[in-house]
Protein backbone atom coordinates (compact mmCIF):
# COMPACT_ATOMS: atom_id res chain seq x y z
CA MET A 1 22.16 3.85 -118.49
CA VAL A 2 21.57 7.54 -119.15
CA PRO A 3 23.61 10.16 -117.20
CA MET A 4 22.32 10.53 -113.66
CA LYS A 5 20.99 13.82 -112.28
CA SER A 6 22.67 12.95 -109.00
CA GLU A 7 26.09 13.22 -110.63
CA ALA A 8 25.70 16.99 -110.26
CA ILE A 9 25.90 16.59 -106.48
CA MET A 10 27.85 13.34 -106.06
CA GLN A 11 30.83 13.45 -108.42
CA GLY A 12 33.91 15.60 -108.80
CA ALA A 13 36.13 17.53 -106.40
CA GLN A 14 33.79 20.51 -106.51
CA ASN A 15 31.05 18.42 -104.89
CA ALA A 16 33.04 17.49 -101.78
CA PRO A 17 30.77 19.76 -99.68
CA HIS A 18 27.71 17.89 -100.97
CA ARG A 19 29.29 14.54 -100.15
CA ALA A 20 30.16 15.83 -96.70
CA LEU A 21 26.47 16.37 -96.06
CA PHE A 22 25.65 12.88 -97.35
CA ASN A 23 28.28 11.58 -94.93
CA ALA A 24 26.37 13.40 -92.21
CA LEU A 25 23.30 11.42 -93.32
CA GLY A 26 25.22 8.17 -92.86
CA PHE A 27 25.55 7.39 -96.56
CA THR A 28 28.46 5.17 -97.55
CA LYS A 29 30.76 5.70 -100.53
CA GLU A 30 29.04 2.77 -102.21
CA GLU A 31 25.59 4.33 -101.74
CA MET A 32 26.80 7.62 -103.18
CA GLU A 33 27.93 5.83 -106.32
CA ARG A 34 24.49 4.38 -107.02
CA PRO A 35 21.43 6.09 -108.52
CA LEU A 36 19.65 8.24 -105.95
CA VAL A 37 15.96 7.32 -105.74
CA GLY A 38 13.54 9.58 -103.89
CA ILE A 39 10.70 7.86 -102.07
CA VAL A 40 7.83 10.27 -101.54
CA SER A 41 6.10 8.93 -98.45
CA SER A 42 2.65 10.25 -97.55
CA TYR A 43 2.71 8.57 -94.15
CA ASN A 44 0.98 10.35 -91.28
CA GLU A 45 -0.99 9.46 -88.16
CA ILE A 46 -4.19 11.42 -88.86
CA VAL A 47 -5.40 9.88 -92.15
CA PRO A 48 -6.63 6.24 -91.97
CA GLY A 49 -5.50 5.69 -95.56
CA HIS A 50 -1.97 6.72 -94.63
CA MET A 51 -1.30 5.15 -91.25
CA ASN A 52 0.15 2.02 -92.91
CA ILE A 53 2.32 3.84 -95.44
CA ASP A 54 5.37 3.56 -93.18
CA LYS A 55 5.34 -0.18 -93.92
CA ILE A 56 4.84 0.43 -97.64
CA THR A 57 7.75 2.90 -97.56
CA GLU A 58 10.08 0.41 -95.91
CA ALA A 59 9.14 -2.23 -98.50
CA VAL A 60 9.85 0.21 -101.34
CA ARG A 61 13.23 1.04 -99.74
CA LEU A 62 14.11 -2.65 -99.74
CA GLY A 63 13.03 -3.03 -103.36
CA VAL A 64 15.12 -0.06 -104.52
CA ALA A 65 18.18 -1.30 -102.61
CA MET A 66 17.78 -4.85 -103.91
CA ALA A 67 17.77 -3.51 -107.46
CA GLY A 68 20.93 -1.44 -106.98
CA GLY A 69 19.58 2.00 -106.07
CA THR A 70 20.07 4.23 -103.06
CA PRO A 71 16.71 5.10 -101.49
CA ALA A 72 16.05 8.36 -99.68
CA VAL A 73 12.66 9.14 -98.15
CA PHE A 74 10.97 12.53 -97.98
CA PRO A 75 7.36 13.38 -97.05
CA ALA A 76 4.21 14.60 -98.75
CA ILE A 77 1.18 15.93 -96.89
CA ALA A 78 -2.32 14.48 -97.13
CA VAL A 79 -5.75 15.53 -95.85
CA CYS A 80 -8.48 13.06 -94.85
CA ASP A 81 -11.55 14.36 -96.66
CA GLY A 82 -13.82 12.46 -94.29
CA ILE A 83 -12.36 14.19 -91.23
CA ALA A 84 -12.27 17.55 -93.04
CA MET A 85 -15.90 17.20 -94.21
CA GLY A 86 -18.65 19.52 -93.06
CA HIS A 87 -16.56 22.32 -91.53
CA GLN A 88 -13.99 24.91 -92.56
CA GLY A 89 -11.34 22.23 -92.89
CA MET A 90 -12.86 21.07 -96.18
CA LYS A 91 -11.87 24.39 -97.76
CA TYR A 92 -8.28 23.17 -97.45
CA SER A 93 -8.71 19.79 -99.13
CA LEU A 94 -8.59 20.52 -102.86
CA VAL A 95 -5.94 23.19 -102.48
CA THR A 96 -3.54 20.61 -101.01
CA ARG A 97 -3.33 19.02 -104.45
CA ASP A 98 -1.33 22.04 -105.65
CA LEU A 99 0.67 22.23 -102.42
CA ILE A 100 1.64 18.56 -102.81
CA ALA A 101 2.65 19.00 -106.44
CA ASP A 102 4.64 22.15 -105.72
CA SER A 103 6.44 20.87 -102.61
CA THR A 104 7.32 17.53 -104.25
CA GLU A 105 8.73 19.39 -107.27
CA ALA A 106 10.81 21.56 -104.94
CA MET A 107 12.22 18.61 -102.98
CA ALA A 108 13.03 16.55 -106.07
CA MET A 109 14.73 19.39 -107.93
CA ALA A 110 16.67 20.60 -104.90
CA HIS A 111 18.22 17.22 -104.15
CA GLY A 112 19.07 15.83 -107.57
CA PHE A 113 17.06 12.61 -107.52
CA ASP A 114 17.50 10.27 -110.47
CA ALA A 115 14.13 8.58 -110.04
CA LEU A 116 11.11 8.66 -107.75
CA VAL A 117 8.67 6.26 -106.14
CA MET A 118 5.45 7.99 -105.13
CA ILE A 119 3.46 6.49 -102.23
CA PRO A 120 0.08 8.24 -102.04
CA ASN A 121 -3.36 7.00 -101.07
CA CYS A 122 -6.06 9.55 -100.44
CA ASP A 123 -8.12 11.99 -102.45
CA LYS A 124 -5.86 14.94 -103.40
CA ASN A 125 -2.62 13.19 -102.53
CA VAL A 126 -2.79 10.87 -105.57
CA PRO A 127 -3.46 13.53 -108.25
CA GLY A 128 -1.05 15.96 -106.57
CA LEU A 129 1.77 13.44 -106.87
CA LEU A 130 0.75 12.51 -110.43
CA MET A 131 0.93 16.22 -111.29
CA ALA A 132 4.40 16.39 -109.75
CA ALA A 133 5.53 13.28 -111.64
CA ALA A 134 4.40 14.75 -114.95
CA ARG A 135 6.00 18.10 -114.16
CA LEU A 136 9.36 16.65 -113.09
CA ASN A 137 9.46 13.99 -115.82
CA ILE A 138 12.11 11.77 -114.27
CA PRO A 139 11.54 7.98 -114.10
CA THR A 140 8.72 7.47 -111.59
CA ILE A 141 6.42 4.71 -110.38
CA PHE A 142 3.45 4.76 -108.00
CA VAL A 143 2.38 2.36 -105.26
CA SER A 144 -0.56 3.34 -103.08
CA GLY A 145 -1.33 2.49 -99.48
CA GLY A 146 -4.33 0.41 -100.57
CA PRO A 147 -8.06 0.31 -99.84
CA MET A 148 -9.79 -0.39 -96.54
CA LEU A 149 -11.79 -3.56 -96.09
CA ALA A 150 -15.55 -3.07 -96.03
CA GLY A 151 -17.37 -2.98 -92.71
CA LYS A 152 -20.45 -5.02 -91.88
CA VAL A 153 -23.75 -3.95 -90.34
CA ASP A 154 -26.80 -6.23 -90.10
CA GLY A 155 -24.96 -8.85 -92.15
CA CYS A 156 -24.35 -6.50 -95.10
CA LYS A 157 -21.10 -4.97 -96.26
CA VAL A 158 -20.96 -1.21 -95.72
CA SER A 159 -18.51 1.62 -96.31
CA PHE A 160 -17.86 5.10 -94.95
CA SER A 161 -20.80 6.66 -96.79
CA ALA A 162 -23.17 4.44 -94.77
CA ALA A 163 -22.07 6.28 -91.61
CA SER A 164 -22.77 9.63 -93.28
CA GLU A 165 -26.22 8.51 -94.43
CA ALA A 166 -26.96 7.13 -90.97
CA VAL A 167 -26.72 10.69 -89.62
CA GLY A 168 -29.61 11.72 -91.89
CA ALA A 169 -31.59 8.63 -90.93
CA TYR A 170 -31.05 9.35 -87.24
CA GLY A 171 -32.10 12.99 -87.70
CA ALA A 172 -35.30 11.82 -89.38
CA GLY A 173 -36.05 9.38 -86.56
CA LYS A 174 -35.53 6.35 -88.80
CA ILE A 175 -32.82 4.75 -86.66
CA SER A 176 -31.93 4.84 -82.96
CA GLU A 177 -28.88 6.38 -81.36
CA GLU A 178 -27.60 2.86 -80.70
CA LYS A 179 -27.85 1.98 -84.40
CA LEU A 180 -26.08 5.21 -85.33
CA ARG A 181 -23.28 4.24 -82.95
CA GLU A 182 -23.08 0.81 -84.60
CA PHE A 183 -22.53 2.46 -88.00
CA GLU A 184 -19.93 4.72 -86.39
CA GLU A 185 -18.04 1.75 -85.00
CA LYS A 186 -18.28 -0.72 -87.89
CA THR A 187 -18.15 1.10 -91.22
CA CYS A 188 -14.37 1.69 -91.23
CA PRO A 189 -12.83 -1.48 -89.76
CA THR A 190 -9.22 -1.24 -91.01
CA CYS A 191 -6.61 1.18 -92.24
CA GLY A 192 -6.70 2.13 -95.91
CA SER A 193 -8.58 4.41 -98.27
CA CYS A 194 -12.35 4.13 -97.73
CA SER A 195 -13.68 0.89 -99.20
CA GLY A 196 -16.03 2.18 -101.94
CA MET A 197 -15.27 3.66 -105.35
CA TYR A 198 -14.69 7.05 -103.83
CA THR A 199 -12.12 9.58 -105.03
CA ALA A 200 -9.03 7.94 -103.49
CA ASN A 201 -9.76 4.50 -104.91
CA SER A 202 -10.90 6.02 -108.20
CA MET A 203 -7.57 7.77 -108.63
CA ASN A 204 -5.54 4.76 -107.47
CA CYS A 205 -7.36 2.56 -110.01
CA LEU A 206 -6.91 5.18 -112.73
CA THR A 207 -3.18 5.32 -111.88
CA GLU A 208 -3.05 1.70 -113.05
CA VAL A 209 -5.00 2.56 -116.19
CA LEU A 210 -2.71 5.49 -116.96
CA GLY A 211 0.24 3.11 -116.70
CA MET A 212 1.92 4.70 -113.68
CA GLY A 213 1.26 1.89 -111.18
CA LEU A 214 1.69 -1.90 -111.24
CA SER A 215 -1.23 -4.29 -111.38
CA GLY A 216 -3.04 -4.30 -108.04
CA ASN A 217 -2.11 -0.72 -107.17
CA GLY A 218 -5.77 0.29 -106.90
CA THR A 219 -7.34 -2.84 -105.47
CA ILE A 220 -5.07 -4.95 -103.22
CA PRO A 221 -6.44 -4.25 -99.70
CA ALA A 222 -4.21 -2.21 -97.40
CA VAL A 223 -4.05 -4.98 -94.80
CA TYR A 224 -2.96 -7.73 -97.23
CA SER A 225 0.69 -8.78 -97.23
CA GLU A 226 0.45 -8.83 -101.01
CA ARG A 227 0.59 -5.04 -100.88
CA ILE A 228 3.98 -5.22 -99.15
CA ARG A 229 5.18 -7.47 -101.97
CA LEU A 230 3.75 -5.01 -104.51
CA ALA A 231 5.69 -2.19 -102.85
CA LYS A 232 8.95 -4.16 -103.09
CA HIS A 233 8.29 -4.83 -106.77
CA ALA A 234 7.58 -1.13 -107.34
CA GLY A 235 10.95 -0.29 -105.77
CA MET A 236 12.67 -2.77 -108.04
CA GLN A 237 10.75 -1.69 -111.13
CA VAL A 238 11.68 1.99 -110.82
CA MET A 239 15.29 0.91 -111.39
CA GLU A 240 14.21 -0.75 -114.64
CA LEU A 241 12.47 2.46 -115.69
CA LEU A 242 15.69 4.34 -114.94
CA LYS A 243 17.79 1.91 -116.98
CA LYS A 244 15.40 2.15 -119.94
CA ASN A 245 14.90 5.91 -119.45
CA ILE A 246 11.10 5.54 -119.44
CA ARG A 247 9.69 8.78 -118.08
CA PRO A 248 6.21 9.88 -116.97
CA ARG A 249 5.48 11.85 -120.12
CA ASP A 250 6.39 8.80 -122.21
CA ILE A 251 3.55 7.05 -120.37
CA LEU A 252 1.10 9.92 -119.76
CA THR A 253 0.15 10.49 -123.38
CA GLU A 254 -3.13 11.76 -124.77
CA GLY A 255 -4.07 8.14 -125.47
CA ALA A 256 -3.41 7.20 -121.84
CA PHE A 257 -5.80 9.91 -120.67
CA ARG A 258 -8.45 8.72 -123.13
CA ASN A 259 -8.01 5.22 -121.69
CA ALA A 260 -8.43 6.67 -118.20
CA LEU A 261 -11.66 8.43 -119.17
CA THR A 262 -12.93 5.23 -120.77
CA MET A 263 -12.23 3.21 -117.65
CA ASP A 264 -13.64 6.00 -115.50
CA MET A 265 -16.94 5.47 -117.33
CA ALA A 266 -16.71 1.67 -117.16
CA ILE A 267 -15.99 1.48 -113.42
CA GLY A 268 -18.12 4.45 -112.33
CA CYS A 269 -15.44 6.50 -110.61
CA SER A 270 -15.81 9.63 -108.53
CA THR A 271 -16.85 12.87 -110.25
CA ASN A 272 -13.64 14.34 -108.80
CA SER A 273 -11.78 12.52 -111.56
CA MET A 274 -13.19 15.21 -113.83
CA LEU A 275 -11.19 17.72 -111.78
CA HIS A 276 -8.01 15.71 -111.50
CA LEU A 277 -7.46 14.11 -114.91
CA PRO A 278 -7.47 17.48 -116.74
CA ALA A 279 -5.08 18.95 -114.15
CA ILE A 280 -2.65 16.03 -114.53
CA ALA A 281 -2.93 16.22 -118.32
CA HIS A 282 -2.23 19.94 -118.13
CA GLU A 283 1.15 19.23 -116.53
CA CYS A 284 1.94 17.10 -119.59
CA GLY A 285 1.01 19.93 -121.95
CA ILE A 286 -2.21 18.15 -122.93
CA ASP A 287 -5.57 19.93 -122.99
CA LEU A 288 -8.08 17.33 -121.79
CA ASN A 289 -11.32 18.96 -122.89
CA LEU A 290 -14.27 17.59 -120.91
CA ASP A 291 -16.36 17.67 -124.08
CA ILE A 292 -14.82 14.31 -124.93
CA ALA A 293 -16.16 12.82 -121.66
CA ASN A 294 -19.68 12.49 -123.06
CA GLU A 295 -18.31 11.25 -126.39
CA ILE A 296 -16.46 8.48 -124.56
CA SER A 297 -19.38 7.82 -122.22
CA ASP A 298 -21.78 7.34 -125.14
CA LYS A 299 -19.85 4.29 -126.32
CA THR A 300 -18.58 2.91 -122.99
CA PRO A 301 -20.84 0.63 -120.96
CA ASN A 302 -20.85 0.92 -117.18
CA ILE A 303 -19.95 -2.60 -115.99
CA CYS A 304 -19.13 -2.07 -112.30
CA HIS A 305 -21.42 -0.79 -109.54
CA LEU A 306 -19.17 -0.34 -106.54
CA ALA A 307 -20.29 1.46 -103.37
CA PRO A 308 -21.98 3.88 -103.19
CA ALA A 309 -23.57 3.03 -106.57
CA GLY A 310 -24.02 -0.65 -105.71
CA PRO A 311 -23.37 -3.40 -103.18
CA HIS A 312 -19.78 -4.24 -104.11
CA HIS A 313 -16.57 -2.84 -102.64
CA ILE A 314 -12.95 -2.54 -103.72
CA GLU A 315 -12.06 -5.85 -102.11
CA ASP A 316 -14.68 -7.47 -104.35
CA LEU A 317 -13.14 -5.87 -107.43
CA TYR A 318 -9.77 -7.21 -106.29
CA ASP A 319 -11.20 -10.73 -105.95
CA ALA A 320 -12.83 -10.41 -109.38
CA GLY A 321 -9.50 -9.78 -111.08
CA GLY A 322 -8.85 -6.11 -110.44
CA VAL A 323 -8.46 -3.19 -112.80
CA TYR A 324 -6.72 -5.21 -115.52
CA ALA A 325 -9.68 -7.61 -115.65
CA VAL A 326 -12.06 -4.67 -116.17
CA MET A 327 -9.75 -3.29 -118.86
CA ASN A 328 -9.62 -6.64 -120.63
CA GLU A 329 -13.42 -6.93 -120.45
CA ILE A 330 -14.05 -3.42 -121.77
CA ASN A 331 -11.49 -3.88 -124.53
CA LYS A 332 -13.62 -6.64 -126.03
CA LEU A 333 -15.33 -3.63 -127.60
CA GLY A 334 -12.00 -2.26 -128.83
CA LEU A 335 -12.29 0.87 -126.68
CA LEU A 336 -8.72 1.08 -125.34
CA GLU A 337 -5.48 2.14 -126.97
CA THR A 338 -3.37 -0.91 -126.24
CA ASP A 339 0.00 -0.04 -127.82
CA LEU A 340 0.95 2.50 -125.14
CA ILE A 341 4.02 1.95 -122.93
CA THR A 342 3.49 1.65 -119.16
CA CYS A 343 5.60 1.51 -116.01
CA THR A 344 5.81 -2.28 -116.36
CA GLY A 345 7.99 -1.73 -119.42
CA LYS A 346 5.25 -3.43 -121.42
CA THR A 347 2.30 -2.07 -123.37
CA VAL A 348 -1.26 -1.81 -122.12
CA GLY A 349 -2.20 -4.72 -124.38
CA GLU A 350 0.58 -6.91 -123.00
CA ASN A 351 -0.39 -6.03 -119.43
CA ILE A 352 -4.07 -6.97 -119.73
CA ALA A 353 -3.75 -10.01 -122.00
CA GLY A 354 -5.26 -13.05 -120.30
CA CYS A 355 -6.58 -11.13 -117.28
CA VAL A 356 -9.77 -13.04 -116.55
CA ASN A 357 -13.02 -11.71 -115.12
CA LYS A 358 -13.42 -14.01 -112.11
CA ASP A 359 -16.81 -12.69 -110.97
CA PRO A 360 -19.36 -11.49 -113.54
CA GLU A 361 -21.53 -10.15 -110.72
CA VAL A 362 -18.81 -7.64 -109.81
CA ILE A 363 -17.50 -7.04 -113.34
CA ARG A 364 -20.46 -7.38 -115.67
CA PRO A 365 -19.72 -8.80 -119.13
CA VAL A 366 -19.93 -6.09 -121.78
CA GLU A 367 -22.91 -7.94 -123.23
CA SER A 368 -24.95 -7.32 -120.06
CA PRO A 369 -23.78 -4.00 -118.51
CA TYR A 370 -25.51 -2.00 -115.82
CA SER A 371 -26.01 0.62 -118.51
CA THR A 372 -24.88 1.02 -122.10
CA THR A 373 -23.40 4.42 -121.29
CA GLY A 374 -20.72 5.43 -118.82
CA GLY A 375 -20.91 6.13 -115.11
CA ILE A 376 -20.24 9.89 -115.35
CA ALA A 377 -22.01 12.55 -117.40
CA VAL A 378 -21.05 16.14 -118.16
CA LEU A 379 -24.11 18.41 -118.39
CA ARG A 380 -24.53 21.85 -119.92
CA GLY A 381 -27.31 24.41 -120.23
CA ASN A 382 -28.18 27.93 -119.19
CA LEU A 383 -27.48 27.04 -115.54
CA ALA A 384 -24.03 25.63 -116.36
CA PRO A 385 -22.82 27.10 -119.66
CA ASP A 386 -19.27 25.76 -119.20
CA SER A 387 -20.21 22.39 -117.64
CA CYS A 388 -21.19 20.47 -114.53
CA VAL A 389 -20.72 16.82 -113.59
CA VAL A 390 -22.91 14.02 -112.21
CA LYS A 391 -22.14 10.42 -111.24
CA ARG A 392 -24.86 8.99 -113.45
CA SER A 393 -24.30 5.41 -112.24
CA ALA A 394 -25.30 6.44 -108.68
CA VAL A 395 -28.54 8.24 -109.68
CA ALA A 396 -31.90 6.52 -109.20
CA PRO A 397 -33.56 5.85 -112.59
CA GLU A 398 -36.53 8.05 -111.71
CA MET A 399 -34.17 11.01 -111.14
CA LEU A 400 -32.43 10.87 -114.51
CA GLN A 401 -35.04 13.42 -115.54
CA HIS A 402 -36.31 15.82 -112.90
CA SER A 403 -37.97 19.20 -112.71
CA GLY A 404 -38.64 21.07 -109.50
CA PRO A 405 -38.50 24.33 -107.56
CA ALA A 406 -35.17 25.64 -106.34
CA LYS A 407 -34.36 25.97 -102.65
CA VAL A 408 -31.33 28.25 -102.65
CA TYR A 409 -28.56 28.43 -100.02
CA ASP A 410 -25.37 30.46 -100.12
CA CYS A 411 -23.25 28.01 -98.12
CA GLU A 412 -23.20 24.35 -97.14
CA GLU A 413 -24.02 25.03 -93.50
CA ASP A 414 -27.31 26.75 -94.32
CA ALA A 415 -28.32 23.95 -96.68
CA MET A 416 -27.45 21.30 -94.13
CA ALA A 417 -29.56 23.01 -91.46
CA ALA A 418 -32.51 23.16 -93.87
CA ILE A 419 -32.22 19.49 -94.80
CA MET A 420 -31.91 18.30 -91.22
CA GLY A 421 -34.68 20.69 -90.15
CA GLY A 422 -37.16 19.12 -92.58
CA GLU A 423 -37.45 22.14 -94.92
CA ILE A 424 -36.62 20.06 -98.00
CA VAL A 425 -39.52 18.06 -99.45
CA ASP A 426 -40.19 15.73 -102.37
CA GLY A 427 -39.55 17.38 -105.72
CA ASP A 428 -37.21 20.12 -104.50
CA VAL A 429 -33.91 21.04 -106.15
CA VAL A 430 -31.45 22.14 -103.48
CA VAL A 431 -28.97 24.74 -104.77
CA ILE A 432 -25.77 25.33 -102.78
CA ARG A 433 -23.65 28.12 -104.23
CA TYR A 434 -20.65 30.32 -103.42
CA GLU A 435 -18.76 27.10 -102.64
CA GLY A 436 -16.59 27.05 -105.79
CA PRO A 437 -12.80 27.43 -106.07
CA LYS A 438 -12.98 31.21 -105.65
CA GLY A 439 -16.24 31.53 -103.74
CA GLY A 440 -15.61 28.90 -101.06
CA PRO A 441 -12.79 29.42 -101.39
CA GLY A 442 -11.45 25.93 -101.97
CA MET A 443 -14.44 24.13 -103.54
CA ARG A 444 -15.68 22.05 -100.62
CA GLU A 445 -17.21 18.61 -101.07
CA MET A 446 -20.91 18.29 -100.25
CA LEU A 447 -21.06 14.72 -98.94
CA ASN A 448 -22.90 15.72 -95.77
CA PRO A 449 -25.90 17.37 -97.50
CA THR A 450 -26.28 14.56 -100.04
CA SER A 451 -25.92 11.90 -97.36
CA ALA A 452 -28.53 13.69 -95.23
CA ILE A 453 -30.90 13.73 -98.22
CA MET A 454 -30.35 10.00 -98.75
CA GLY A 455 -30.64 9.21 -95.05
CA ARG A 456 -33.96 11.04 -94.83
CA GLY A 457 -35.36 8.93 -97.65
CA LEU A 458 -35.38 11.72 -100.27
CA GLY A 459 -32.74 10.32 -102.61
CA SER A 460 -35.22 9.41 -105.33
CA THR A 461 -37.19 12.67 -105.18
CA VAL A 462 -34.74 15.52 -104.44
CA ALA A 463 -31.81 16.81 -106.52
CA LEU A 464 -28.85 18.85 -105.31
CA ILE A 465 -26.83 21.25 -107.46
CA THR A 466 -23.68 23.09 -106.39
CA ASP A 467 -20.67 25.00 -107.68
CA GLY A 468 -18.76 23.06 -105.03
CA ARG A 469 -17.98 19.41 -105.66
CA PHE A 470 -19.04 15.99 -104.51
CA SER A 471 -17.28 13.17 -102.77
CA GLY A 472 -16.97 9.88 -104.58
CA ALA A 473 -19.07 8.60 -101.69
CA THR A 474 -22.01 10.66 -102.93
CA ARG A 475 -25.05 9.02 -104.49
CA GLY A 476 -28.34 10.38 -105.74
CA ALA A 477 -29.04 13.23 -108.17
CA ALA A 478 -26.05 15.26 -107.01
CA ILE A 479 -24.76 17.62 -109.70
CA GLY A 480 -21.55 19.46 -108.90
CA HIS A 481 -18.67 21.49 -110.32
CA VAL A 482 -21.18 23.94 -111.83
CA SER A 483 -19.19 26.40 -113.93
CA PRO A 484 -18.96 29.36 -114.07
CA GLU A 485 -19.28 29.43 -110.30
CA ALA A 486 -21.43 31.93 -108.41
CA ALA A 487 -18.48 33.99 -107.19
CA VAL A 488 -17.65 35.07 -110.74
CA GLY A 489 -21.26 35.77 -111.66
CA GLY A 490 -22.17 32.40 -113.15
CA PRO A 491 -25.90 31.78 -113.72
CA ILE A 492 -26.10 29.73 -110.50
CA ALA A 493 -25.66 33.08 -108.67
CA LEU A 494 -28.85 34.36 -110.31
CA VAL A 495 -31.22 31.55 -109.27
CA GLU A 496 -33.97 32.49 -106.79
CA ASN A 497 -36.15 30.39 -104.52
CA GLY A 498 -39.00 28.85 -106.50
CA ASP A 499 -37.33 29.02 -109.92
CA ILE A 500 -37.97 25.79 -111.80
CA ILE A 501 -34.85 23.83 -112.58
CA GLU A 502 -35.00 21.15 -115.28
CA ILE A 503 -32.48 18.30 -115.26
CA ASP A 504 -32.15 15.75 -118.06
CA ILE A 505 -29.10 13.62 -117.38
CA MET A 506 -29.67 11.34 -120.37
CA ALA A 507 -29.69 14.39 -122.67
CA ASN A 508 -26.76 16.02 -120.79
CA GLN A 509 -28.87 19.11 -120.07
CA ILE A 510 -29.44 21.33 -117.04
CA ASN A 511 -31.45 24.55 -117.24
CA VAL A 512 -33.28 27.05 -115.08
CA LYS A 513 -36.65 27.84 -116.62
CA LEU A 514 -36.07 31.55 -117.19
CA SER A 515 -35.95 33.63 -120.34
CA GLU A 516 -32.63 35.07 -121.45
CA GLU A 517 -34.12 38.50 -120.85
CA GLU A 518 -34.87 37.66 -117.20
CA LEU A 519 -31.39 36.19 -116.72
CA GLU A 520 -29.84 39.34 -118.19
CA LYS A 521 -31.93 41.49 -115.89
CA ARG A 522 -30.76 39.55 -112.84
CA ARG A 523 -27.19 39.56 -114.10
CA ALA A 524 -27.23 43.35 -114.34
CA ALA A 525 -28.46 43.58 -110.74
CA TRP A 526 -25.96 41.04 -109.35
CA THR A 527 -23.09 42.36 -107.24
CA PRO A 528 -19.98 40.36 -106.26
CA ARG A 529 -19.77 39.16 -102.67
CA GLN A 530 -16.91 40.06 -100.40
CA PRO A 531 -14.41 37.18 -100.00
CA ARG A 532 -15.13 34.95 -97.01
CA ILE A 533 -11.43 34.55 -96.29
CA THR A 534 -9.03 37.44 -96.84
CA THR A 535 -5.74 36.19 -95.39
CA GLY A 536 -3.57 33.09 -95.57
CA TYR A 537 -3.13 30.42 -98.22
CA LEU A 538 -6.82 30.12 -99.12
CA ALA A 539 -7.01 33.82 -99.92
CA ARG A 540 -3.95 33.51 -102.18
CA TYR A 541 -5.43 30.41 -103.80
CA ALA A 542 -8.74 32.16 -104.50
CA SER A 543 -6.90 35.06 -106.13
CA MET A 544 -5.02 32.69 -108.45
CA VAL A 545 -7.76 30.30 -109.56
CA THR A 546 -8.46 30.70 -113.25
CA SER A 547 -9.80 27.31 -114.23
CA GLY A 548 -13.55 27.43 -113.65
CA ASN A 549 -14.93 24.06 -112.71
CA ARG A 550 -11.57 22.32 -112.49
CA GLY A 551 -10.49 24.19 -109.40
CA ALA A 552 -6.85 24.14 -110.44
CA ILE A 553 -4.26 26.89 -110.38
CA LEU A 554 -3.26 26.97 -114.02
CA GLU A 555 -0.12 28.25 -115.62
CA ALA A 556 1.24 27.71 -119.11
CA PRO A 557 1.45 23.96 -119.83
CA LYS A 558 4.85 22.57 -118.99
CA LYS A 559 6.58 21.01 -121.99
């Protein structure tokens, strides 16, 4: 076994004061002689995806102890994007990713841990801890809290996004108050991350693909006892990683990120993965250029349509064989790098060998995919010179190409009032700007406006474009992460009501129908807006953001 970091605080006469403090914690001499394993628990009582993590944490503790380690738990914060949605709280969601990474780094370095087990579950909590793991580069494994079971309304499975869309339907007079209350009461029936392929489940599934979590990490439902067993195995396995000195950056290679992008396209993950994967890669010293997303998408079929793109939910993917079954199916086309080491101690190829697709309705065979191209597309054009992102698998076929007049709003609240007030009609392109990383600040998600559009029956006739971002629960022609954002003078700041916007998702193009001369004229007349928030963490965040559409605070890559 390699020398332990904890020796710097546990061994030698000079460390008697450190040991005195461990005595105060109730540690025995025997515990102090074993490897010290930090368990980063994201348990709290305000996020449904985290209310069960106390049980996962205890199972990990047992696994670590059974395998000869000394477990010590410390916390990580987490925000529920659903609860934060639609008000000022959403400005704080994305920024927590950096807070989580920074605070976890501080705790791990300050206390000399030899290894870590990360227990995340929800949207920014997973990538924040992956960023920390890459930055710290000590043996680490992940085990998530697990997905929620789907709800049921009128005999059909439903997820959280159905409740959001029901608000739009109620506002349009399509459903009664009683029916709205039924959606409210039945769409989220258990603890866990929301049951569709939203951001949390996307990132938990991609954690498996990256090789940082054991099989089942992304799909075993939160309420299944199998997840407790998985947590015990994760605790035991981190001790194997420590013995073999397998570290996150041994696993998180450029090939692993290409595999993640490939599976992102195959499964149809949240567009937020296009924010998080580059940020995690950055911590490994890898520049994950989004230009390769379309290159990978062009050759990767989309073989899963999970909510909100289709009728299936994470529990169905679990029953069909899970992430490894999708990987094995997609690799029939030779699209994965299979010789990469993972947290199992085995290669990707060894992990997925023999993993059978148990339900071809949930995991389509590669010979009969939902589409021959991937579930996410990166668009460019004079409206988004750097890039923007759309969940292509959740767009109605008739909206893959769309041209219409812009209805422009400078914040989410104004756009939401217009949608609910009936101002938006067939053919419109809703533009919500000044909601980017700097302009928001904090790059809010726009689930409420898109859900209202869907609920009012406009999902196949109206597009929405924003320099904010979209929830994985979003469906329809929702195009987000427009970069450069309005707050730095990006072209989206120059659009006026009535300008014709042309969208061609199949050609990866998005343009406003204006001459370069007219755009230059408007650019010369544009003046920066005063910051909406001038004090506190959000103001500091806005002053530091340098990453355009990724919304990350970037420094020099850590080697």
